[in-house]
Structure formats: structure tokens, C-alpha cells
Amino acid sequence: MGNLVAEGKTTGPNQSESMANYTKMNEHRMKRLDKTFKISEELEEIVAAYDKDYIWLVITEAWCGDAAQSVPILQKVAEGSEKIELRVVLRDEHPDLMEKFLTDGAKSIPKLIIIDKESMQVEQDWGPRPAPAQDMLMEFKANPDLSYSEFSLSLQKWYNQDKGETTQSELIQTLKSPAQLYI
């Protein structure tokens, strides 16, 4: 991301100034969250109890504001476990993969896909954002009177106040859930 920001670029086909600015803001947000977020004991214990190796595949893009709020959390969890290999792929470079993990028919990101490394079976997924943020998005889409700038400001405010706790809580619930094998 640092290289993209230095070049005034972003990922994906839309290389507009506004998309490059989102990438720059996201780099700052990710660095802040990386410094301040602490993994809970419960999440550490769940991951420590893994009895097999996993690939945590994250589908994202550099301009994605929701990714800036969750990818650092996923990265911290993965870095703390020898059982997790974190891989990140770009949505727009992997359309066939994204098609398998749509959210209500949309290519919403970020998306975490948890894969059993030995069998290469997808067991679980999470994303694209915590439930309260998803509710805010649905409300925005249903209300034509709201501007995107108002929505994004209120969403960022929610993320700042939440400090990654809801993402962590949802990740805990996902990891506690029985595997859901995908075809």
C-alpha cells in the first residue's frame, strides 16, 4: 500500500484521484489500528487450539474502507499463530473467486475465507463488514436522502468508536461455529 500511496495510485481498474485518496486514508487507518488493536484472550485461545493448518484468504482492494478496519485485525491474529497462513488477493484480479463469495449478490469486500490447508476445503467465511456496519450500509441504500459523504462519515465514526471489538467478536463466533463445507 505504501508504494501505491507514494505513486498516487490504488488497486483495481479505477485509478481516479478519489480512489487514490481512499487508499491513502486507508493506509493511515490500517497503521493506526495495527498500533492500537489488542487481540482478546478468548480469540487467542481459540486460535491456539487449532489442531490443523489453515489458509485465511482475504479478498480485498486497497481503496476499501471496510478492509482498512478489518484486515489489520485478521493480520494480527494470523501473525500470532503458526497454524494460520494469511493470503491476500485483490477482488478485481480474481472475479471467479469473488463470484463464489458474494454478499446478497454483491461483490462486497473484504471477505475472509477460511480454508483447511490439507484438504483445501473452504470451511468458513466472514465479511464483508461487522453486522452494525452492514446495517448502516443497508439503511444508506434504502434512504435516497442520505449523501454518500454523510454515510461514510458516520460509518467511520462508528468504526473509530468500536475499535475493532465487533469484528473481533464476530470472528470469535465464526471460529466457534462448526465448519460449513462449501462446494
N, C-alpha and C. Protein backbone atom coordinates (compact mmCIF):
# COMPACT_ATOMS: atom_id res chain seq x y z
N MET A 1 0.82 -1.19 0.00
CA MET A 1 0.00 0.00 0.00
C MET A 1 0.86 1.25 0.00
N GLY A 2 1.95 1.17 0.72
CA GLY A 2 2.85 2.33 0.76
C GLY A 2 3.32 2.75 -0.61
N ASN A 3 3.65 1.76 -1.44
CA ASN A 3 4.10 2.07 -2.81
C ASN A 3 2.97 2.70 -3.63
N LEU A 4 1.77 2.17 -3.48
CA LEU A 4 0.63 2.74 -4.20
C LEU A 4 0.41 4.19 -3.79
N VAL A 5 0.44 4.45 -2.49
CA VAL A 5 0.23 5.80 -1.98
C VAL A 5 1.32 6.73 -2.51
N ALA A 6 2.57 6.28 -2.49
CA ALA A 6 3.69 7.11 -2.98
C ALA A 6 3.53 7.45 -4.45
N GLU A 7 2.91 6.53 -5.19
CA GLU A 7 2.71 6.76 -6.64
C GLU A 7 1.38 7.42 -6.95
N GLY A 8 0.56 7.68 -5.93
CA GLY A 8 -0.76 8.28 -6.16
C GLY A 8 -1.71 7.33 -6.85
N LYS A 9 -1.57 6.04 -6.57
CA LYS A 9 -2.38 5.02 -7.23
C LYS A 9 -3.17 4.21 -6.20
N THR A 10 -3.96 3.29 -6.73
CA THR A 10 -4.70 2.34 -5.92
C THR A 10 -4.74 1.02 -6.67
N THR A 11 -5.46 0.06 -6.11
CA THR A 11 -5.65 -1.21 -6.81
C THR A 11 -6.93 -1.11 -7.63
N GLY A 12 -7.09 -2.04 -8.55
CA GLY A 12 -8.30 -2.07 -9.35
C GLY A 12 -8.22 -1.17 -10.57
N PRO A 13 -9.25 -1.26 -11.41
CA PRO A 13 -9.23 -0.51 -12.67
C PRO A 13 -9.49 0.99 -12.53
N ASN A 14 -10.18 1.41 -11.48
CA ASN A 14 -10.50 2.82 -11.30
C ASN A 14 -9.32 3.51 -10.61
N GLN A 15 -8.55 4.23 -11.38
CA GLN A 15 -7.37 4.91 -10.86
C GLN A 15 -7.61 6.42 -10.70
N SER A 16 -8.84 6.77 -10.34
CA SER A 16 -9.18 8.18 -10.16
C SER A 16 -8.48 8.74 -8.92
N GLU A 17 -8.43 10.06 -8.87
CA GLU A 17 -7.81 10.73 -7.73
C GLU A 17 -8.54 10.38 -6.43
N SER A 18 -9.85 10.30 -6.50
CA SER A 18 -10.61 9.99 -5.27
C SER A 18 -10.30 8.57 -4.78
N MET A 19 -10.15 7.60 -5.68
CA MET A 19 -9.82 6.23 -5.27
C MET A 19 -8.41 6.18 -4.69
N ALA A 20 -7.50 6.94 -5.27
CA ALA A 20 -6.14 7.01 -4.73
C ALA A 20 -6.16 7.65 -3.33
N ASN A 21 -7.04 8.63 -3.14
CA ASN A 21 -7.15 9.26 -1.82
C ASN A 21 -7.72 8.29 -0.78
N TYR A 22 -8.67 7.46 -1.20
CA TYR A 22 -9.20 6.43 -0.28
C TYR A 22 -8.07 5.50 0.16
N THR A 23 -7.22 5.14 -0.77
CA THR A 23 -6.09 4.26 -0.45
C THR A 23 -5.17 4.94 0.55
N LYS A 24 -4.91 6.21 0.35
CA LYS A 24 -4.05 6.95 1.28
C LYS A 24 -4.68 7.00 2.68
N MET A 25 -5.97 7.29 2.75
CA MET A 25 -6.65 7.31 4.05
C MET A 25 -6.62 5.92 4.70
N ASN A 26 -6.82 4.90 3.88
CA ASN A 26 -6.84 3.54 4.42
C ASN A 26 -5.49 3.11 4.96
N GLU A 27 -4.43 3.53 4.31
CA GLU A 27 -3.10 3.21 4.82
C GLU A 27 -2.95 3.79 6.23
N HIS A 28 -3.38 5.02 6.40
CA HIS A 28 -3.31 5.67 7.71
C HIS A 28 -4.18 4.93 8.73
N ARG A 29 -5.40 4.58 8.35
CA ARG A 29 -6.31 3.86 9.25
C ARG A 29 -5.74 2.50 9.65
N MET A 30 -5.17 1.80 8.69
CA MET A 30 -4.61 0.48 8.97
C MET A 30 -3.43 0.57 9.93
N LYS A 31 -2.58 1.56 9.74
CA LYS A 31 -1.44 1.74 10.64
C LYS A 31 -1.91 2.05 12.05
N ARG A 32 -2.92 2.91 12.16
CA ARG A 32 -3.45 3.26 13.48
C ARG A 32 -4.04 2.02 14.17
N LEU A 33 -4.84 1.26 13.46
CA LEU A 33 -5.46 0.07 14.04
C LEU A 33 -4.41 -0.97 14.39
N ASP A 34 -3.39 -1.10 13.55
CA ASP A 34 -2.32 -2.06 13.84
C ASP A 34 -1.62 -1.71 15.15
N LYS A 35 -1.47 -0.42 15.44
CA LYS A 35 -0.80 0.00 16.67
C LYS A 35 -1.69 -0.13 17.90
N THR A 36 -2.99 0.05 17.73
CA THR A 36 -3.87 0.15 18.90
C THR A 36 -4.67 -1.12 19.20
N PHE A 37 -4.91 -1.97 18.24
CA PHE A 37 -5.78 -3.12 18.45
C PHE A 37 -5.07 -4.22 19.24
N LYS A 38 -5.78 -4.76 20.21
CA LYS A 38 -5.28 -5.87 21.02
C LYS A 38 -6.21 -7.07 20.85
N ILE A 39 -5.62 -8.22 20.57
CA ILE A 39 -6.40 -9.45 20.44
C ILE A 39 -6.85 -9.90 21.83
N SER A 40 -8.10 -10.30 21.95
CA SER A 40 -8.62 -10.75 23.24
C SER A 40 -8.05 -12.12 23.59
N GLU A 41 -8.07 -12.43 24.88
CA GLU A 41 -7.62 -13.75 25.33
C GLU A 41 -8.45 -14.84 24.70
N GLU A 42 -9.75 -14.61 24.60
CA GLU A 42 -10.64 -15.64 24.03
C GLU A 42 -10.26 -15.96 22.59
N LEU A 43 -10.00 -14.95 21.80
CA LEU A 43 -9.62 -15.19 20.41
C LEU A 43 -8.26 -15.88 20.34
N GLU A 44 -7.32 -15.45 21.17
CA GLU A 44 -6.01 -16.11 21.20
C GLU A 44 -6.15 -17.59 21.55
N GLU A 45 -7.01 -17.90 22.51
CA GLU A 45 -7.22 -19.29 22.93
C GLU A 45 -7.85 -20.14 21.83
N ILE A 46 -8.81 -19.57 21.12
CA ILE A 46 -9.46 -20.29 20.04
C ILE A 46 -8.45 -20.65 18.96
N VAL A 47 -7.65 -19.69 18.58
CA VAL A 47 -6.65 -19.91 17.52
C VAL A 47 -5.55 -20.85 18.02
N ALA A 48 -5.16 -20.72 19.28
CA ALA A 48 -4.13 -21.60 19.84
C ALA A 48 -4.60 -23.05 19.87
N ALA A 49 -5.90 -23.26 19.92
CA ALA A 49 -6.44 -24.62 19.97
C ALA A 49 -6.58 -25.26 18.58
N TYR A 50 -6.25 -24.51 17.53
CA TYR A 50 -6.31 -25.09 16.18
C TYR A 50 -5.49 -26.38 16.16
N ASP A 51 -6.08 -27.44 15.64
CA ASP A 51 -5.37 -28.71 15.57
C ASP A 51 -4.93 -29.05 14.15
N LYS A 52 -5.15 -28.11 13.25
CA LYS A 52 -4.68 -28.27 11.87
C LYS A 52 -4.33 -26.91 11.30
N ASP A 53 -3.72 -26.93 10.13
CA ASP A 53 -3.28 -25.69 9.49
C ASP A 53 -4.39 -25.14 8.59
N TYR A 54 -4.45 -23.80 8.56
CA TYR A 54 -5.45 -23.12 7.77
C TYR A 54 -4.81 -22.04 6.90
N ILE A 55 -5.47 -21.79 5.81
CA ILE A 55 -5.19 -20.61 4.99
C ILE A 55 -6.35 -19.65 5.24
N TRP A 56 -6.01 -18.45 5.65
CA TRP A 56 -7.01 -17.39 5.74
C TRP A 56 -6.81 -16.54 4.49
N LEU A 57 -7.72 -16.68 3.56
CA LEU A 57 -7.66 -15.96 2.30
C LEU A 57 -8.57 -14.74 2.41
N VAL A 58 -8.00 -13.58 2.19
CA VAL A 58 -8.77 -12.33 2.27
C VAL A 58 -8.87 -11.73 0.88
N ILE A 59 -10.10 -11.50 0.46
CA ILE A 59 -10.36 -10.82 -0.82
C ILE A 59 -10.61 -9.36 -0.47
N THR A 60 -9.88 -8.47 -1.11
CA THR A 60 -9.98 -7.05 -0.75
C THR A 60 -9.51 -6.16 -1.91
N GLU A 61 -9.45 -4.90 -1.66
CA GLU A 61 -8.83 -3.88 -2.53
C GLU A 61 -8.29 -2.79 -1.62
N ALA A 62 -7.28 -2.07 -2.06
CA ALA A 62 -6.63 -1.04 -1.25
C ALA A 62 -7.54 0.14 -0.93
N TRP A 63 -8.50 0.43 -1.79
CA TRP A 63 -9.39 1.57 -1.61
C TRP A 63 -10.55 1.28 -0.66
N CYS A 64 -10.71 0.05 -0.24
CA CYS A 64 -11.87 -0.36 0.55
C CYS A 64 -11.77 0.08 2.01
N GLY A 65 -12.65 0.97 2.42
CA GLY A 65 -12.65 1.49 3.78
C GLY A 65 -12.94 0.42 4.83
N ASP A 66 -13.83 -0.52 4.51
CA ASP A 66 -14.12 -1.59 5.45
C ASP A 66 -12.89 -2.49 5.65
N ALA A 67 -12.14 -2.70 4.60
CA ALA A 67 -10.92 -3.52 4.71
C ALA A 67 -9.91 -2.87 5.63
N ALA A 68 -9.82 -1.55 5.57
CA ALA A 68 -8.87 -0.85 6.45
C ALA A 68 -9.19 -1.08 7.91
N GLN A 69 -10.45 -1.42 8.22
CA GLN A 69 -10.87 -1.63 9.59
C GLN A 69 -10.81 -3.09 10.04
N SER A 70 -10.68 -4.02 9.10
CA SER A 70 -10.68 -5.44 9.50
C SER A 70 -9.41 -6.19 9.11
N VAL A 71 -8.80 -5.87 8.01
CA VAL A 71 -7.61 -6.61 7.58
C VAL A 71 -6.47 -6.54 8.61
N PRO A 72 -6.23 -5.39 9.26
CA PRO A 72 -5.18 -5.39 10.30
C PRO A 72 -5.49 -6.35 11.45
N ILE A 73 -6.77 -6.50 11.78
CA ILE A 73 -7.16 -7.43 12.84
C ILE A 73 -6.88 -8.86 12.40
N LEU A 74 -7.28 -9.19 11.19
CA LEU A 74 -7.04 -10.54 10.66
C LEU A 74 -5.54 -10.83 10.59
N GLN A 75 -4.78 -9.83 10.19
CA GLN A 75 -3.33 -9.98 10.09
C GLN A 75 -2.72 -10.24 11.46
N LYS A 76 -3.15 -9.49 12.48
CA LYS A 76 -2.61 -9.69 13.84
C LYS A 76 -2.91 -11.09 14.34
N VAL A 77 -4.12 -11.57 14.10
CA VAL A 77 -4.48 -12.91 14.55
C VAL A 77 -3.61 -13.94 13.83
N ALA A 78 -3.47 -13.79 12.54
CA ALA A 78 -2.66 -14.74 11.75
C ALA A 78 -1.20 -14.72 12.17
N GLU A 79 -0.66 -13.54 12.42
CA GLU A 79 0.74 -13.43 12.83
C GLU A 79 1.00 -14.11 14.17
N GLY A 80 -0.04 -14.22 14.99
CA GLY A 80 0.11 -14.83 16.30
C GLY A 80 -0.05 -16.35 16.31
N SER A 81 -0.22 -16.94 15.14
CA SER A 81 -0.45 -18.38 15.08
C SER A 81 0.39 -19.03 13.98
N GLU A 82 1.05 -20.11 14.33
CA GLU A 82 1.77 -20.89 13.32
C GLU A 82 0.82 -21.72 12.48
N LYS A 83 -0.44 -21.80 12.88
CA LYS A 83 -1.43 -22.62 12.18
C LYS A 83 -2.18 -21.85 11.10
N ILE A 84 -1.92 -20.55 11.00
CA ILE A 84 -2.64 -19.72 10.03
C ILE A 84 -1.66 -19.10 9.05
N GLU A 85 -1.92 -19.31 7.78
CA GLU A 85 -1.19 -18.64 6.71
C GLU A 85 -2.14 -17.63 6.08
N LEU A 86 -1.84 -16.35 6.23
CA LEU A 86 -2.68 -15.30 5.68
C LEU A 86 -2.27 -15.01 4.24
N ARG A 87 -3.25 -15.03 3.37
CA ARG A 87 -3.03 -14.65 1.97
C ARG A 87 -4.05 -13.59 1.60
N VAL A 88 -3.62 -12.61 0.85
CA VAL A 88 -4.50 -11.52 0.43
C VAL A 88 -4.51 -11.48 -1.09
N VAL A 89 -5.73 -11.44 -1.65
CA VAL A 89 -5.88 -11.32 -3.11
C VAL A 89 -6.80 -10.15 -3.42
N LEU A 90 -6.62 -9.60 -4.58
CA LEU A 90 -7.42 -8.45 -5.00
C LEU A 90 -8.68 -8.92 -5.73
N ARG A 91 -9.79 -8.37 -5.30
CA ARG A 91 -11.09 -8.75 -5.86
C ARG A 91 -11.14 -8.63 -7.37
N ASP A 92 -10.70 -7.50 -7.88
CA ASP A 92 -10.84 -7.24 -9.31
C ASP A 92 -9.90 -8.08 -10.17
N GLU A 93 -8.89 -8.68 -9.54
CA GLU A 93 -7.99 -9.57 -10.27
C GLU A 93 -8.44 -11.03 -10.18
N HIS A 94 -9.47 -11.30 -9.36
CA HIS A 94 -9.95 -12.67 -9.15
C HIS A 94 -11.48 -12.72 -9.18
N PRO A 95 -12.08 -12.35 -10.33
CA PRO A 95 -13.55 -12.28 -10.40
C PRO A 95 -14.23 -13.64 -10.19
N ASP A 96 -13.63 -14.72 -10.65
CA ASP A 96 -14.25 -16.04 -10.46
C ASP A 96 -14.31 -16.42 -8.99
N LEU A 97 -13.26 -16.12 -8.25
CA LEU A 97 -13.24 -16.38 -6.82
C LEU A 97 -14.29 -15.51 -6.12
N MET A 98 -14.34 -14.24 -6.45
CA MET A 98 -15.28 -13.32 -5.82
C MET A 98 -16.72 -13.77 -6.05
N GLU A 99 -17.00 -14.29 -7.23
CA GLU A 99 -18.36 -14.75 -7.56
C GLU A 99 -18.84 -15.85 -6.61
N LYS A 100 -17.92 -16.58 -6.03
CA LYS A 100 -18.29 -17.67 -5.12
C LYS A 100 -18.60 -17.18 -3.71
N PHE A 101 -18.27 -15.92 -3.43
CA PHE A 101 -18.43 -15.39 -2.08
C PHE A 101 -19.14 -14.04 -2.07
N LEU A 102 -20.19 -13.95 -2.85
CA LEU A 102 -20.97 -12.72 -2.92
C LEU A 102 -21.75 -12.51 -1.62
N THR A 103 -22.07 -11.27 -1.35
CA THR A 103 -22.91 -10.92 -0.21
C THR A 103 -24.19 -10.33 -0.77
N ASP A 104 -25.28 -11.05 -0.62
CA ASP A 104 -26.56 -10.61 -1.18
C ASP A 104 -26.43 -10.24 -2.66
N GLY A 105 -25.65 -11.02 -3.39
CA GLY A 105 -25.46 -10.81 -4.82
C GLY A 105 -24.42 -9.75 -5.18
N ALA A 106 -23.81 -9.13 -4.17
CA ALA A 106 -22.84 -8.05 -4.42
C ALA A 106 -21.41 -8.53 -4.16
N LYS A 107 -20.46 -7.91 -4.83
CA LYS A 107 -19.04 -8.23 -4.69
C LYS A 107 -18.43 -7.44 -3.52
N SER A 108 -19.05 -7.55 -2.38
CA SER A 108 -18.65 -6.79 -1.20
C SER A 108 -17.37 -7.35 -0.60
N ILE A 109 -16.50 -6.43 -0.21
CA ILE A 109 -15.22 -6.80 0.40
C ILE A 109 -15.02 -5.96 1.65
N PRO A 110 -14.15 -6.41 2.52
CA PRO A 110 -13.28 -7.58 2.45
C PRO A 110 -14.06 -8.85 2.79
N LYS A 111 -13.53 -9.94 2.36
CA LYS A 111 -14.13 -11.25 2.62
C LYS A 111 -13.03 -12.18 3.09
N LEU A 112 -13.21 -12.76 4.28
CA LEU A 112 -12.28 -13.75 4.81
C LEU A 112 -12.82 -15.13 4.48
N ILE A 113 -11.98 -15.95 3.88
CA ILE A 113 -12.33 -17.33 3.56
C ILE A 113 -11.35 -18.22 4.30
N ILE A 114 -11.88 -19.10 5.14
CA ILE A 114 -11.03 -19.97 5.95
C ILE A 114 -11.00 -21.34 5.31
N ILE A 115 -9.78 -21.75 4.94
CA ILE A 115 -9.57 -22.97 4.16
C ILE A 115 -8.70 -23.94 4.95
N ASP A 116 -9.15 -25.20 5.03
CA ASP A 116 -8.33 -26.26 5.61
C ASP A 116 -7.15 -26.47 4.66
N LYS A 117 -5.94 -26.23 5.14
CA LYS A 117 -4.76 -26.25 4.28
C LYS A 117 -4.50 -27.63 3.67
N GLU A 118 -4.81 -28.70 4.40
CA GLU A 118 -4.55 -30.04 3.88
C GLU A 118 -5.57 -30.45 2.82
N SER A 119 -6.85 -30.29 3.11
CA SER A 119 -7.89 -30.73 2.17
C SER A 119 -8.23 -29.67 1.14
N MET A 120 -7.84 -28.42 1.42
CA MET A 120 -8.17 -27.26 0.58
C MET A 120 -9.69 -27.03 0.49
N GLN A 121 -10.41 -27.49 1.52
CA GLN A 121 -11.85 -27.25 1.61
C GLN A 121 -12.10 -25.94 2.34
N VAL A 122 -13.00 -25.15 1.79
CA VAL A 122 -13.42 -23.93 2.48
C VAL A 122 -14.33 -24.36 3.61
N GLU A 123 -14.00 -23.93 4.82
CA GLU A 123 -14.79 -24.31 5.99
C GLU A 123 -15.68 -23.19 6.50
N GLN A 124 -15.21 -21.96 6.42
CA GLN A 124 -15.98 -20.84 6.94
C GLN A 124 -15.62 -19.58 6.16
N ASP A 125 -16.49 -18.60 6.31
CA ASP A 125 -16.14 -17.28 5.77
C ASP A 125 -16.76 -16.21 6.65
N TRP A 126 -16.22 -15.02 6.54
CA TRP A 126 -16.71 -13.86 7.29
C TRP A 126 -16.57 -12.64 6.39
N GLY A 127 -17.45 -11.72 6.60
CA GLY A 127 -17.34 -10.44 5.91
C GLY A 127 -18.61 -10.15 5.14
N PRO A 128 -18.65 -8.99 4.58
CA PRO A 128 -17.57 -8.05 4.34
C PRO A 128 -17.33 -7.02 5.44
N ARG A 129 -18.24 -6.95 6.40
CA ARG A 129 -18.07 -5.95 7.46
C ARG A 129 -18.87 -6.42 8.67
N PRO A 130 -18.59 -5.85 9.85
CA PRO A 130 -19.38 -6.23 11.02
C PRO A 130 -20.87 -5.91 10.82
N ALA A 131 -21.73 -6.67 11.47
CA ALA A 131 -23.18 -6.53 11.30
C ALA A 131 -23.68 -5.09 11.49
N PRO A 132 -23.26 -4.35 12.52
CA PRO A 132 -23.75 -2.96 12.65
C PRO A 132 -23.36 -2.09 11.45
N ALA A 133 -22.18 -2.29 10.92
CA ALA A 133 -21.75 -1.53 9.74
C ALA A 133 -22.57 -1.95 8.52
N GLN A 134 -22.87 -3.24 8.41
CA GLN A 134 -23.71 -3.73 7.32
C GLN A 134 -25.10 -3.12 7.42
N ASP A 135 -25.64 -3.04 8.63
CA ASP A 135 -26.95 -2.41 8.83
C ASP A 135 -26.93 -0.95 8.41
N MET A 136 -25.85 -0.26 8.74
CA MET A 136 -25.72 1.15 8.33
C MET A 136 -25.71 1.28 6.82
N LEU A 137 -25.02 0.36 6.15
CA LEU A 137 -24.97 0.38 4.68
C LEU A 137 -26.36 0.14 4.10
N MET A 138 -27.09 -0.82 4.64
CA MET A 138 -28.43 -1.13 4.14
C MET A 138 -29.37 0.06 4.34
N GLU A 139 -29.23 0.73 5.48
CA GLU A 139 -30.04 1.93 5.74
C GLU A 139 -29.70 3.03 4.74
N PHE A 140 -28.41 3.20 4.47
CA PHE A 140 -27.98 4.21 3.49
C PHE A 140 -28.57 3.90 2.12
N LYS A 141 -28.49 2.66 1.71
CA LYS A 141 -29.00 2.28 0.38
C LYS A 141 -30.52 2.46 0.28
N ALA A 142 -31.21 2.31 1.41
CA ALA A 142 -32.66 2.43 1.42
C ALA A 142 -33.14 3.88 1.56
N ASN A 143 -32.22 4.79 1.87
CA ASN A 143 -32.59 6.17 2.12
C ASN A 143 -31.95 7.09 1.09
N PRO A 144 -32.69 7.48 0.06
CA PRO A 144 -32.11 8.32 -1.00
C PRO A 144 -31.76 9.73 -0.54
N ASP A 145 -32.21 10.12 0.65
CA ASP A 145 -31.92 11.47 1.15
C ASP A 145 -30.52 11.59 1.76
N LEU A 146 -29.91 10.46 2.08
CA LEU A 146 -28.57 10.49 2.67
C LEU A 146 -27.52 10.62 1.58
N SER A 147 -26.54 11.47 1.81
CA SER A 147 -25.43 11.58 0.86
C SER A 147 -24.37 10.54 1.22
N TYR A 148 -23.58 10.18 0.22
CA TYR A 148 -22.52 9.21 0.49
C TYR A 148 -21.53 9.76 1.50
N SER A 149 -21.24 11.04 1.43
CA SER A 149 -20.26 11.62 2.37
C SER A 149 -20.80 11.57 3.81
N GLU A 150 -22.11 11.80 3.99
CA GLU A 150 -22.70 11.68 5.33
C GLU A 150 -22.61 10.23 5.82
N PHE A 151 -22.95 9.32 4.94
CA PHE A 151 -22.89 7.90 5.31
C PHE A 151 -21.47 7.49 5.67
N SER A 152 -20.51 7.81 4.81
CA SER A 152 -19.13 7.37 5.07
C SER A 152 -18.57 8.00 6.34
N LEU A 153 -18.97 9.23 6.63
CA LEU A 153 -18.53 9.88 7.86
C LEU A 153 -19.11 9.18 9.09
N SER A 154 -20.39 8.84 9.04
CA SER A 154 -21.00 8.15 10.19
C SER A 154 -20.44 6.74 10.33
N LEU A 155 -20.16 6.08 9.22
CA LEU A 155 -19.58 4.74 9.28
C LEU A 155 -18.17 4.80 9.88
N GLN A 156 -17.37 5.76 9.46
CA GLN A 156 -16.02 5.90 10.01
C GLN A 156 -16.07 6.22 11.49
N LYS A 157 -17.01 7.05 11.87
CA LYS A 157 -17.19 7.37 13.29
C LYS A 157 -17.51 6.10 14.09
N TRP A 158 -18.40 5.27 13.53
CA TRP A 158 -18.74 4.01 14.20
C TRP A 158 -17.50 3.13 14.35
N TYR A 159 -16.74 2.98 13.26
CA TYR A 159 -15.51 2.17 13.31
C TYR A 159 -14.54 2.72 14.37
N ASN A 160 -14.39 4.03 14.42
CA ASN A 160 -13.47 4.63 15.40
C ASN A 160 -13.90 4.35 16.83
N GLN A 161 -15.19 4.42 17.08
CA GLN A 161 -15.69 4.16 18.44
C GLN A 161 -15.63 2.67 18.78
N ASP A 162 -15.85 1.83 17.81
CA ASP A 162 -15.87 0.38 18.02
C ASP A 162 -14.48 -0.20 18.26
N LYS A 163 -13.47 0.40 17.64
CA LYS A 163 -12.07 0.00 17.80
C LYS A 163 -11.80 -1.48 17.48
N GLY A 164 -12.58 -2.04 16.56
CA GLY A 164 -12.34 -3.42 16.14
C GLY A 164 -12.98 -4.47 17.01
N GLU A 165 -13.67 -4.07 18.06
CA GLU A 165 -14.24 -5.03 19.00
C GLU A 165 -15.34 -5.89 18.37
N THR A 166 -16.21 -5.28 17.55
CA THR A 166 -17.27 -6.06 16.92
C THR A 166 -16.70 -7.04 15.90
N THR A 167 -15.71 -6.61 15.15
CA THR A 167 -15.05 -7.51 14.20
C THR A 167 -14.46 -8.69 14.96
N GLN A 168 -13.79 -8.41 16.05
CA GLN A 168 -13.19 -9.47 16.85
C GLN A 168 -14.27 -10.42 17.40
N SER A 169 -15.35 -9.87 17.91
CA SER A 169 -16.44 -10.67 18.45
C SER A 169 -17.05 -11.57 17.37
N GLU A 170 -17.27 -11.01 16.18
CA GLU A 170 -17.83 -11.80 15.09
C GLU A 170 -16.85 -12.86 14.62
N LEU A 171 -15.58 -12.54 14.63
CA LEU A 171 -14.57 -13.52 14.25
C LEU A 171 -14.56 -14.68 15.25
N ILE A 172 -14.68 -14.36 16.52
CA ILE A 172 -14.76 -15.40 17.56
C ILE A 172 -15.95 -16.31 17.29
N GLN A 173 -17.11 -15.72 17.01
CA GLN A 173 -18.31 -16.52 16.75
C GLN A 173 -18.14 -17.37 15.49
N THR A 174 -17.51 -16.82 14.48
CA THR A 174 -17.25 -17.58 13.25
C THR A 174 -16.36 -18.78 13.54
N LEU A 175 -15.29 -18.55 14.29
CA LEU A 175 -14.35 -19.63 14.58
C LEU A 175 -14.92 -20.67 15.53
N LYS A 176 -15.87 -20.28 16.37
CA LYS A 176 -16.52 -21.23 17.27
C LYS A 176 -17.57 -22.07 16.55
N SER A 177 -18.05 -21.58 15.42
CA SER A 177 -19.11 -22.28 14.69
C SER A 177 -18.55 -23.53 14.03
N PRO A 178 -19.38 -24.55 13.89
CA PRO A 178 -18.92 -25.74 13.18
C PRO A 178 -18.57 -25.39 11.73
N ALA A 179 -17.63 -26.12 11.20
CA ALA A 179 -17.23 -25.89 9.80
C ALA A 179 -18.43 -26.06 8.90
N GLN A 180 -18.51 -25.20 7.90
CA GLN A 180 -19.57 -25.28 6.89
C GLN A 180 -18.86 -25.55 5.56
N LEU A 181 -18.79 -26.80 5.17
CA LEU A 181 -18.06 -27.11 3.95
C LEU A 181 -18.78 -26.57 2.73
N TYR A 182 -18.02 -25.95 1.88
CA TYR A 182 -18.53 -25.36 0.65
C TYR A 182 -18.19 -26.27 -0.51
N ILE A 183 -18.97 -26.18 -1.54
CA ILE A 183 -18.66 -26.99 -2.73
C ILE A 183 -18.00 -26.12 -3.77
